[in-house]
């Protein structure tokens, strides 16, 4: 498994599952054409484009091309890289019949071919400095979830860190793990609380 710094954009949850077996990266699922109406997800994609860069990996059919084109047009700043899977004809195991164009999607492509596609696009492995240690429980412990004032505190933190305002707790955990350790997050929250109370 290789570590990739950029966030990877895929179409569906099965693509994400497939990719998780070969790369260690933040993977964002567009839910197919759902991305066209999902302002929160688009804001997150733009954030990653500017922060780490994004990699668009969609199926090689017409729907995949539309989604790829939409994301490229919607992201004005930052780094956008494209990874293309080869045309492989067949059908995914979980499906009863092939896609309209008869090609395998990302979920049906084997790991070696996926890694080769990343390499061909010039995206190579990076070294991970440390294991991610921020979890949903970390947010709870720091008062960022599960408390009466949690959502206000979370919004304040997101603003302080220059993060999109519309983030679910799960998305926030993923983003924070690309930025800092749990210890650094605790220090950030403490400093924020002190500033609020004028300490």
Protein backbone atom coordinates (compact mmCIF):
# COMPACT_ATOMS: atom_id res chain seq x y z
CA UNK A 1 0.00 0.00 0.00
CA UNK A 2 1.30 3.47 -0.87
CA UNK A 3 0.67 6.77 0.91
CA UNK A 4 -0.57 9.58 -1.34
CA UNK A 5 -0.68 13.17 -0.09
CA UNK A 6 -3.36 14.40 -2.46
CA UNK A 7 -7.05 13.79 -1.77
CA UNK A 8 -8.51 11.37 -4.31
CA UNK A 9 -11.95 12.00 -5.81
CA UNK A 10 -13.92 8.91 -6.89
CA UNK A 11 -17.51 8.37 -7.99
CA UNK A 12 -18.90 5.73 -5.63
CA UNK A 13 -18.42 3.89 -2.35
CA UNK A 14 -17.28 0.69 -4.11
CA UNK A 15 -14.56 2.69 -5.89
CA UNK A 16 -13.44 3.97 -2.47
CA UNK A 17 -13.40 0.43 -1.03
CA UNK A 18 -11.31 -0.76 -4.00
CA UNK A 19 -8.88 2.12 -3.67
CA UNK A 20 -8.50 1.70 0.11
CA UNK A 21 -6.88 -1.66 -0.57
CA UNK A 22 -4.04 -0.10 -2.58
CA UNK A 23 -3.52 3.47 -1.33
CA UNK A 24 -3.47 5.29 1.98
CA UNK A 25 -5.08 8.66 1.25
CA UNK A 26 -8.10 10.85 1.91
CA UNK A 27 -10.75 9.58 -0.52
CA UNK A 28 -13.83 11.67 -1.29
CA UNK A 29 -16.85 10.05 -2.93
CA UNK A 30 -18.94 12.21 -5.31
CA UNK A 31 -21.97 9.86 -5.20
CA UNK A 32 -22.01 9.99 -8.98
CA UNK A 33 -23.88 13.03 -10.27
CA UNK A 34 -24.77 13.85 -6.63
CA UNK A 35 -21.75 16.19 -6.64
CA UNK A 36 -23.67 18.57 -8.93
CA UNK A 37 -25.97 19.46 -6.00
CA UNK A 38 -23.65 18.92 -3.02
CA UNK A 39 -22.25 22.33 -1.99
CA UNK A 40 -20.61 20.93 1.16
CA UNK A 41 -18.66 18.28 -0.71
CA UNK A 42 -17.62 20.73 -3.42
CA UNK A 43 -16.34 23.12 -0.74
CA UNK A 44 -14.31 20.26 0.75
CA UNK A 45 -12.88 19.35 -2.68
CA UNK A 46 -11.87 22.99 -3.25
CA UNK A 47 -10.24 23.07 0.19
CA UNK A 48 -8.13 19.99 -0.59
CA UNK A 49 -7.25 21.30 -4.07
CA UNK A 50 -5.64 24.32 -2.41
CA UNK A 51 -4.17 22.52 0.61
CA UNK A 52 -2.80 19.20 -0.70
CA UNK A 53 -3.95 19.03 -4.31
CA UNK A 54 -6.58 16.61 -5.59
CA UNK A 55 -6.51 13.61 -7.89
CA UNK A 56 -9.62 12.91 -9.96
CA UNK A 57 -10.12 9.20 -10.64
CA UNK A 58 -13.45 8.52 -12.34
CA UNK A 59 -14.64 5.69 -14.56
CA UNK A 60 -13.63 5.86 -18.22
CA UNK A 61 -17.24 6.11 -19.46
CA UNK A 62 -19.25 9.21 -20.44
CA UNK A 63 -20.66 9.67 -16.90
CA UNK A 64 -17.11 9.60 -15.48
CA UNK A 65 -16.00 12.19 -18.05
CA UNK A 66 -18.92 14.50 -17.12
CA UNK A 67 -18.11 14.29 -13.40
CA UNK A 68 -14.39 14.87 -14.06
CA UNK A 69 -15.18 17.90 -16.23
CA UNK A 70 -17.57 19.33 -13.66
CA UNK A 71 -15.04 19.09 -10.83
CA UNK A 72 -12.24 20.57 -12.95
CA UNK A 73 -14.52 23.50 -13.82
CA UNK A 74 -15.68 24.02 -10.23
CA UNK A 75 -12.19 24.09 -8.72
CA UNK A 76 -10.69 27.46 -9.60
CA UNK A 77 -7.58 27.41 -7.40
CA UNK A 78 -5.12 24.77 -6.30
CA UNK A 79 -3.71 21.69 -7.94
CA UNK A 80 -5.86 19.23 -9.90
CA UNK A 81 -4.31 16.05 -11.30
CA UNK A 82 -6.06 13.44 -13.41
CA UNK A 83 -5.60 9.69 -13.24
CA UNK A 84 -7.18 7.68 -16.04
CA UNK A 85 -7.92 3.98 -15.88
CA UNK A 86 -7.50 1.99 -19.11
CA UNK A 87 -10.51 0.72 -21.04
CA UNK A 88 -11.06 -2.81 -19.74
CA UNK A 89 -14.18 -4.53 -20.98
CA UNK A 90 -16.17 -6.71 -18.65
CA UNK A 91 -18.46 -6.39 -15.64
CA UNK A 92 -17.96 -5.98 -11.90
CA UNK A 93 -18.64 -9.09 -9.78
CA UNK A 94 -21.43 -7.46 -7.78
CA UNK A 95 -23.35 -6.39 -10.92
CA UNK A 96 -25.71 -8.56 -12.90
CA UNK A 97 -24.77 -7.00 -16.25
CA UNK A 98 -22.01 -4.81 -17.67
CA UNK A 99 -22.28 -1.01 -17.73
CA UNK A 100 -23.89 0.69 -20.75
CA UNK A 101 -20.49 1.03 -22.42
CA UNK A 102 -19.34 -2.42 -21.28
CA UNK A 103 -16.25 -1.11 -19.49
CA UNK A 104 -15.07 -1.85 -15.96
CA UNK A 105 -15.22 1.06 -13.55
CA UNK A 106 -12.61 1.90 -10.91
CA UNK A 107 -14.05 -0.76 -8.57
CA UNK A 108 -13.41 -3.50 -11.14
CA UNK A 109 -9.78 -2.62 -11.91
CA UNK A 110 -7.06 -4.67 -10.19
CA UNK A 111 -4.64 -3.06 -7.73
CA UNK A 112 -1.53 -3.29 -9.92
CA UNK A 113 -3.31 -1.54 -12.82
CA UNK A 114 -4.58 1.20 -10.49
CA UNK A 115 -1.09 1.82 -9.10
CA UNK A 116 0.32 1.90 -12.64
CA UNK A 117 -2.30 4.52 -13.58
CA UNK A 118 -1.19 6.70 -10.64
CA UNK A 119 2.44 6.28 -11.65
CA UNK A 120 1.67 7.19 -15.27
CA UNK A 121 0.06 10.42 -14.01
CA UNK A 122 3.22 11.24 -12.05
CA UNK A 123 1.64 10.60 -8.64
CA UNK A 124 4.03 8.67 -6.45
CA UNK A 125 4.14 7.51 -2.86
CA UNK A 126 5.09 9.85 -0.05
CA UNK A 127 6.40 9.05 3.40
CA UNK A 128 3.94 9.34 6.26
CA UNK A 129 5.49 11.23 9.17
CA UNK A 130 3.15 9.74 11.75
CA UNK A 131 0.02 7.66 11.99
CA UNK A 132 -3.23 9.68 12.11
CA UNK A 133 -4.38 9.84 15.73
CA UNK A 134 -7.41 12.16 15.63
CA UNK A 135 -10.71 10.26 15.91
CA UNK A 136 -14.35 11.17 16.53
CA UNK A 137 -13.64 10.37 20.18
CA UNK A 138 -10.84 12.98 20.14
CA UNK A 139 -13.42 15.57 19.03
CA UNK A 140 -15.73 14.45 21.84
CA UNK A 141 -12.96 14.68 24.46
CA UNK A 142 -12.09 18.21 23.34
CA UNK A 143 -15.72 19.34 23.44
CA UNK A 144 -15.98 19.56 19.64
CA UNK A 145 -18.83 17.04 19.49
CA UNK A 146 -21.55 15.71 21.79
CA UNK A 147 -21.83 18.82 23.98
CA UNK A 148 -24.30 21.71 24.14
CA UNK A 149 -21.75 24.18 22.74
CA UNK A 150 -19.96 21.72 20.41
CA UNK A 151 -21.21 22.93 17.03
CA UNK A 152 -20.33 26.58 17.83
CA UNK A 153 -16.87 25.51 19.02
CA UNK A 154 -16.38 23.37 15.90
CA UNK A 155 -17.37 26.26 13.62
CA UNK A 156 -14.97 28.55 15.49
CA UNK A 157 -12.13 26.02 15.03
CA UNK A 158 -12.91 25.56 11.34
CA UNK A 159 -12.84 29.34 10.82
CA UNK A 160 -9.57 29.62 12.77
CA UNK A 161 -7.95 26.90 10.63
CA UNK A 162 -9.34 28.24 7.34
CA UNK A 163 -11.50 25.15 6.78
CA UNK A 164 -14.84 25.00 4.95
CA UNK A 165 -17.74 25.78 7.28
CA UNK A 166 -19.89 22.88 6.05
CA UNK A 167 -18.07 19.80 7.33
CA UNK A 168 -19.53 16.70 8.96
CA UNK A 169 -17.68 15.37 12.03
CA UNK A 170 -16.29 12.49 9.92
CA UNK A 171 -14.99 14.84 7.22
CA UNK A 172 -13.50 17.12 9.90
CA UNK A 173 -11.59 14.17 11.41
CA UNK A 174 -10.13 13.30 7.98
CA UNK A 175 -9.12 16.90 7.27
CA UNK A 176 -7.58 17.45 10.73
CA UNK A 177 -5.50 14.27 10.38
CA UNK A 178 -3.87 15.77 7.26
CA UNK A 179 -3.00 18.93 9.20
CA UNK A 180 -1.95 18.01 12.73
CA UNK A 181 -1.69 15.46 15.54
CA UNK A 182 -4.25 15.02 18.35
CA UNK A 183 -1.82 16.81 20.72
CA UNK A 184 -1.56 19.81 18.37
CA UNK A 185 -5.35 19.88 18.00
CA UNK A 186 -5.76 19.92 21.80
CA UNK A 187 -3.33 22.86 22.02
CA UNK A 188 -5.24 24.68 19.25
CA UNK A 189 -8.59 24.21 21.04
CA UNK A 190 -7.07 25.33 24.35
CA UNK A 191 -5.63 28.48 22.77
CA UNK A 192 -8.98 29.20 21.15
CA UNK A 193 -10.82 28.89 24.48
CA UNK A 194 -8.26 31.13 26.21
CA UNK A 195 -8.63 33.81 23.54
CA UNK A 196 -12.41 33.70 23.94
CA UNK A 197 -12.14 34.23 27.69
CA UNK A 198 -9.36 36.82 27.34
CA UNK A 199 -6.80 34.81 29.31
